[in-house]
Amino acid sequence: MALSRKEIEKRAIAKEKKIAKGKRKPLKIKKSELHPRKVLININSSDGDTFNLLALAKKWSIQLQLNYNLIYEEMTASDREHLLEVFKKHFGTFVTLYE
């Protein structure tokens, strides 16, 4: 059963009123969710294998709603050093590559 836009708005307003009256507690975000740890990948181990990095790029591209095909083409356009640089460019905010 699909809800109309008005019904969805009514329910949202009702939830806000319950929260305001103290009947329902607001959602709490854990500190660990705000500052997740970086993923460490040793590029000289099997974790840092080219095929593993491509698999991780695919998985994270889907999760982050990035265009994997473009990232894949860019990663495989040259040698392994280029692949590592492209991987860092797209996923470096939460991944640390080390030797």
N, C-alpha and C. Protein backbone atom coordinates (compact mmCIF):
# COMPACT_ATOMS: atom_id res chain seq x y z
N MET A 1 0.84 -1.17 0.00
CA MET A 1 0.00 0.00 0.00
C MET A 1 0.90 1.24 0.00
N ALA A 2 0.78 2.04 -1.01
CA ALA A 2 1.57 3.26 -1.12
C ALA A 2 0.88 4.39 -0.36
N LEU A 3 1.68 5.14 0.37
CA LEU A 3 1.14 6.26 1.13
C LEU A 3 1.19 7.53 0.30
N SER A 4 0.18 8.36 0.49
CA SER A 4 0.18 9.64 -0.22
C SER A 4 1.18 10.58 0.46
N ARG A 5 1.51 11.64 -0.25
CA ARG A 5 2.46 12.60 0.29
C ARG A 5 1.92 13.25 1.57
N LYS A 6 0.64 13.53 1.60
CA LYS A 6 0.03 14.14 2.78
C LYS A 6 0.10 13.20 3.98
N GLU A 7 -0.12 11.91 3.75
CA GLU A 7 -0.06 10.94 4.83
C GLU A 7 1.36 10.82 5.39
N ILE A 8 2.34 10.85 4.51
CA ILE A 8 3.73 10.80 4.95
C ILE A 8 4.07 12.04 5.78
N GLU A 9 3.61 13.22 5.33
CA GLU A 9 3.85 14.45 6.07
C GLU A 9 3.17 14.42 7.43
N LYS A 10 1.93 13.88 7.49
CA LYS A 10 1.20 13.77 8.76
C LYS A 10 1.98 12.92 9.75
N ARG A 11 2.48 11.78 9.26
CA ARG A 11 3.22 10.88 10.14
C ARG A 11 4.52 11.53 10.63
N ALA A 12 5.19 12.25 9.76
CA ALA A 12 6.44 12.92 10.14
C ALA A 12 6.16 13.98 11.22
N ILE A 13 5.08 14.73 11.06
CA ILE A 13 4.71 15.76 12.04
C ILE A 13 4.34 15.11 13.37
N ALA A 14 3.63 13.98 13.32
CA ALA A 14 3.25 13.27 14.54
C ALA A 14 4.50 12.78 15.28
N LYS A 15 5.49 12.28 14.54
CA LYS A 15 6.73 11.83 15.17
C LYS A 15 7.46 12.99 15.82
N GLU A 16 7.51 14.13 15.13
CA GLU A 16 8.18 15.31 15.69
C GLU A 16 7.48 15.77 16.97
N LYS A 17 6.14 15.70 17.01
CA LYS A 17 5.40 16.11 18.20
C LYS A 17 5.70 15.17 19.37
N LYS A 18 5.80 13.85 19.08
CA LYS A 18 6.12 12.89 20.13
C LYS A 18 7.51 13.16 20.70
N ILE A 19 8.44 13.48 19.83
CA ILE A 19 9.80 13.79 20.28
C ILE A 19 9.79 15.05 21.13
N ALA A 20 9.04 16.06 20.69
CA ALA A 20 8.97 17.34 21.41
C ALA A 20 8.33 17.15 22.79
N LYS A 21 7.35 16.26 22.91
CA LYS A 21 6.68 16.02 24.19
C LYS A 21 7.49 15.09 25.09
N GLY A 22 8.55 14.51 24.56
CA GLY A 22 9.37 13.62 25.37
C GLY A 22 8.89 12.19 25.37
N LYS A 23 7.89 11.87 24.57
CA LYS A 23 7.39 10.51 24.52
C LYS A 23 8.33 9.60 23.73
N ARG A 24 9.04 10.18 22.84
CA ARG A 24 9.96 9.40 22.02
C ARG A 24 11.30 10.11 22.01
N LYS A 25 12.35 9.35 22.27
CA LYS A 25 13.68 9.95 22.31
C LYS A 25 14.25 10.08 20.90
N PRO A 26 14.99 11.16 20.65
CA PRO A 26 15.61 11.31 19.34
C PRO A 26 16.73 10.28 19.15
N LEU A 27 17.02 9.99 17.91
CA LEU A 27 18.06 9.03 17.57
C LEU A 27 19.42 9.58 17.97
N LYS A 28 20.19 8.76 18.67
CA LYS A 28 21.53 9.17 19.09
C LYS A 28 22.56 8.52 18.16
N ILE A 29 23.53 9.29 17.76
CA ILE A 29 24.60 8.79 16.91
C ILE A 29 25.82 8.54 17.77
N LYS A 30 26.39 7.35 17.63
CA LYS A 30 27.58 7.01 18.40
C LYS A 30 28.77 7.80 17.88
N LYS A 31 29.68 8.15 18.78
CA LYS A 31 30.87 8.88 18.38
C LYS A 31 31.71 8.07 17.39
N SER A 32 31.71 6.75 17.54
CA SER A 32 32.49 5.91 16.63
C SER A 32 31.97 6.00 15.20
N GLU A 33 30.69 6.30 15.04
CA GLU A 33 30.13 6.45 13.70
C GLU A 33 30.52 7.78 13.08
N LEU A 34 30.77 8.78 13.92
CA LEU A 34 31.16 10.08 13.40
C LEU A 34 32.61 10.11 12.96
N HIS A 35 33.47 9.38 13.65
CA HIS A 35 34.90 9.37 13.34
C HIS A 35 35.36 7.92 13.17
N PRO A 36 35.00 7.30 12.04
CA PRO A 36 35.40 5.91 11.85
C PRO A 36 36.92 5.81 11.67
N ARG A 37 37.45 4.68 12.04
CA ARG A 37 38.87 4.44 11.86
C ARG A 37 39.18 4.24 10.39
N LYS A 38 40.41 4.57 10.02
CA LYS A 38 40.84 4.35 8.65
C LYS A 38 41.14 2.87 8.45
N VAL A 39 40.87 2.38 7.26
CA VAL A 39 41.21 1.02 6.88
C VAL A 39 42.68 1.02 6.48
N LEU A 40 43.46 0.11 7.05
CA LEU A 40 44.88 0.00 6.73
C LEU A 40 45.09 -1.14 5.75
N ILE A 41 45.77 -0.88 4.64
CA ILE A 41 46.03 -1.91 3.65
C ILE A 41 47.52 -1.92 3.35
N ASN A 42 48.15 -3.09 3.57
CA ASN A 42 49.55 -3.28 3.24
C ASN A 42 49.64 -3.62 1.75
N ILE A 43 50.27 -2.75 0.97
CA ILE A 43 50.30 -2.96 -0.48
C ILE A 43 51.25 -4.07 -0.89
N ASN A 44 52.07 -4.58 0.04
CA ASN A 44 52.98 -5.68 -0.27
C ASN A 44 52.41 -7.04 0.14
N SER A 45 51.20 -7.05 0.68
CA SER A 45 50.57 -8.32 1.08
C SER A 45 49.45 -8.65 0.10
N SER A 46 48.77 -9.74 0.38
CA SER A 46 47.65 -10.13 -0.49
C SER A 46 46.50 -9.12 -0.40
N ASP A 47 46.43 -8.39 0.71
CA ASP A 47 45.39 -7.35 0.85
C ASP A 47 45.61 -6.22 -0.15
N GLY A 48 46.87 -5.95 -0.48
CA GLY A 48 47.20 -4.87 -1.40
C GLY A 48 47.37 -5.34 -2.83
N ASP A 49 46.99 -6.57 -3.09
CA ASP A 49 47.04 -7.12 -4.46
C ASP A 49 46.15 -6.28 -5.38
N THR A 50 46.56 -6.15 -6.62
CA THR A 50 45.82 -5.34 -7.59
C THR A 50 44.36 -5.77 -7.68
N PHE A 51 44.13 -7.08 -7.75
CA PHE A 51 42.76 -7.57 -7.90
C PHE A 51 41.93 -7.31 -6.64
N ASN A 52 42.56 -7.39 -5.48
CA ASN A 52 41.86 -7.09 -4.23
C ASN A 52 41.50 -5.61 -4.17
N LEU A 53 42.41 -4.75 -4.60
CA LEU A 53 42.12 -3.31 -4.60
C LEU A 53 40.99 -2.98 -5.56
N LEU A 54 40.97 -3.66 -6.70
CA LEU A 54 39.86 -3.45 -7.65
C LEU A 54 38.54 -3.93 -7.06
N ALA A 55 38.57 -5.05 -6.33
CA ALA A 55 37.35 -5.55 -5.68
C ALA A 55 36.87 -4.58 -4.60
N LEU A 56 37.81 -4.05 -3.81
CA LEU A 56 37.43 -3.07 -2.79
C LEU A 56 36.87 -1.81 -3.43
N ALA A 57 37.48 -1.38 -4.53
CA ALA A 57 37.00 -0.19 -5.23
C ALA A 57 35.57 -0.41 -5.71
N LYS A 58 35.29 -1.61 -6.21
CA LYS A 58 33.93 -1.90 -6.68
C LYS A 58 32.94 -1.88 -5.52
N LYS A 59 33.30 -2.55 -4.43
CA LYS A 59 32.42 -2.62 -3.25
C LYS A 59 32.13 -1.22 -2.71
N TRP A 60 33.18 -0.42 -2.52
CA TRP A 60 33.01 0.91 -1.94
C TRP A 60 32.35 1.87 -2.92
N SER A 61 32.56 1.68 -4.22
CA SER A 61 31.90 2.53 -5.21
C SER A 61 30.39 2.34 -5.14
N ILE A 62 29.99 1.11 -4.99
CA ILE A 62 28.55 0.82 -4.88
C ILE A 62 28.00 1.44 -3.60
N GLN A 63 28.71 1.27 -2.48
CA GLN A 63 28.25 1.80 -1.21
C GLN A 63 28.19 3.33 -1.21
N LEU A 64 29.16 3.96 -1.88
CA LEU A 64 29.22 5.41 -1.92
C LEU A 64 28.50 6.01 -3.12
N GLN A 65 27.89 5.16 -3.92
CA GLN A 65 27.15 5.56 -5.12
C GLN A 65 28.03 6.33 -6.10
N LEU A 66 29.24 5.79 -6.31
CA LEU A 66 30.16 6.35 -7.30
C LEU A 66 30.07 5.50 -8.56
N ASN A 67 30.52 6.03 -9.67
CA ASN A 67 30.50 5.29 -10.93
C ASN A 67 31.73 4.39 -10.99
N TYR A 68 31.53 3.10 -10.71
CA TYR A 68 32.65 2.16 -10.67
C TYR A 68 33.30 1.99 -12.04
N ASN A 69 32.53 2.02 -13.10
CA ASN A 69 33.11 1.82 -14.43
C ASN A 69 34.16 2.88 -14.75
N LEU A 70 33.88 4.12 -14.40
CA LEU A 70 34.86 5.18 -14.64
C LEU A 70 36.10 5.00 -13.76
N ILE A 71 35.88 4.63 -12.51
CA ILE A 71 37.01 4.41 -11.59
C ILE A 71 37.84 3.24 -12.08
N TYR A 72 37.19 2.16 -12.50
CA TYR A 72 37.89 0.98 -13.01
C TYR A 72 38.74 1.34 -14.23
N GLU A 73 38.16 2.07 -15.17
CA GLU A 73 38.90 2.48 -16.36
C GLU A 73 40.12 3.32 -15.99
N GLU A 74 39.93 4.23 -15.04
CA GLU A 74 41.04 5.09 -14.62
C GLU A 74 42.12 4.28 -13.90
N MET A 75 41.69 3.33 -13.06
CA MET A 75 42.66 2.53 -12.31
C MET A 75 43.47 1.61 -13.22
N THR A 76 42.85 1.09 -14.25
CA THR A 76 43.53 0.12 -15.13
C THR A 76 44.14 0.78 -16.36
N ALA A 77 44.20 2.08 -16.41
CA ALA A 77 44.72 2.78 -17.59
C ALA A 77 46.23 2.69 -17.70
N SER A 78 46.92 2.40 -16.59
CA SER A 78 48.38 2.41 -16.63
C SER A 78 48.93 1.33 -15.71
N ASP A 79 50.07 1.57 -15.09
CA ASP A 79 50.75 0.58 -14.26
C ASP A 79 50.19 0.56 -12.83
N ARG A 80 50.83 -0.27 -11.98
CA ARG A 80 50.37 -0.44 -10.60
C ARG A 80 50.48 0.86 -9.80
N GLU A 81 51.52 1.63 -10.01
CA GLU A 81 51.68 2.90 -9.29
C GLU A 81 50.51 3.84 -9.59
N HIS A 82 50.10 3.87 -10.84
CA HIS A 82 48.95 4.69 -11.23
C HIS A 82 47.68 4.17 -10.54
N LEU A 83 47.53 2.86 -10.50
CA LEU A 83 46.37 2.24 -9.85
C LEU A 83 46.31 2.67 -8.38
N LEU A 84 47.46 2.65 -7.70
CA LEU A 84 47.49 3.04 -6.28
C LEU A 84 47.14 4.51 -6.10
N GLU A 85 47.62 5.37 -6.99
CA GLU A 85 47.32 6.80 -6.91
C GLU A 85 45.82 7.05 -7.12
N VAL A 86 45.23 6.38 -8.09
CA VAL A 86 43.79 6.55 -8.35
C VAL A 86 42.98 6.02 -7.17
N PHE A 87 43.41 4.89 -6.61
CA PHE A 87 42.74 4.32 -5.44
C PHE A 87 42.77 5.31 -4.28
N LYS A 88 43.95 5.91 -4.04
CA LYS A 88 44.09 6.92 -2.98
C LYS A 88 43.21 8.14 -3.26
N LYS A 89 43.15 8.54 -4.53
CA LYS A 89 42.36 9.72 -4.89
C LYS A 89 40.88 9.53 -4.55
N HIS A 90 40.35 8.34 -4.84
CA HIS A 90 38.92 8.11 -4.64
C HIS A 90 38.58 7.64 -3.23
N PHE A 91 39.47 6.89 -2.59
CA PHE A 91 39.14 6.27 -1.30
C PHE A 91 40.12 6.64 -0.19
N GLY A 92 41.00 7.59 -0.43
CA GLY A 92 42.03 7.97 0.53
C GLY A 92 41.52 8.60 1.80
N THR A 93 40.28 9.08 1.81
CA THR A 93 39.75 9.69 3.03
C THR A 93 39.52 8.68 4.14
N PHE A 94 39.32 7.40 3.77
CA PHE A 94 39.11 6.39 4.80
C PHE A 94 40.01 5.18 4.65
N VAL A 95 41.03 5.26 3.77
CA VAL A 95 41.97 4.16 3.57
C VAL A 95 43.40 4.69 3.66
N THR A 96 44.25 3.95 4.33
CA THR A 96 45.68 4.26 4.34
C THR A 96 46.42 3.09 3.72
N LEU A 97 47.16 3.35 2.66
CA LEU A 97 47.99 2.33 2.03
C LEU A 97 49.40 2.47 2.58
N TYR A 98 49.99 1.34 2.98
CA TYR A 98 51.35 1.39 3.50
C TYR A 98 52.13 0.18 3.00
N GLU A 99 53.48 0.28 3.12
CA GLU A 99 54.35 -0.82 2.69
C GLU A 99 54.84 -1.59 3.89
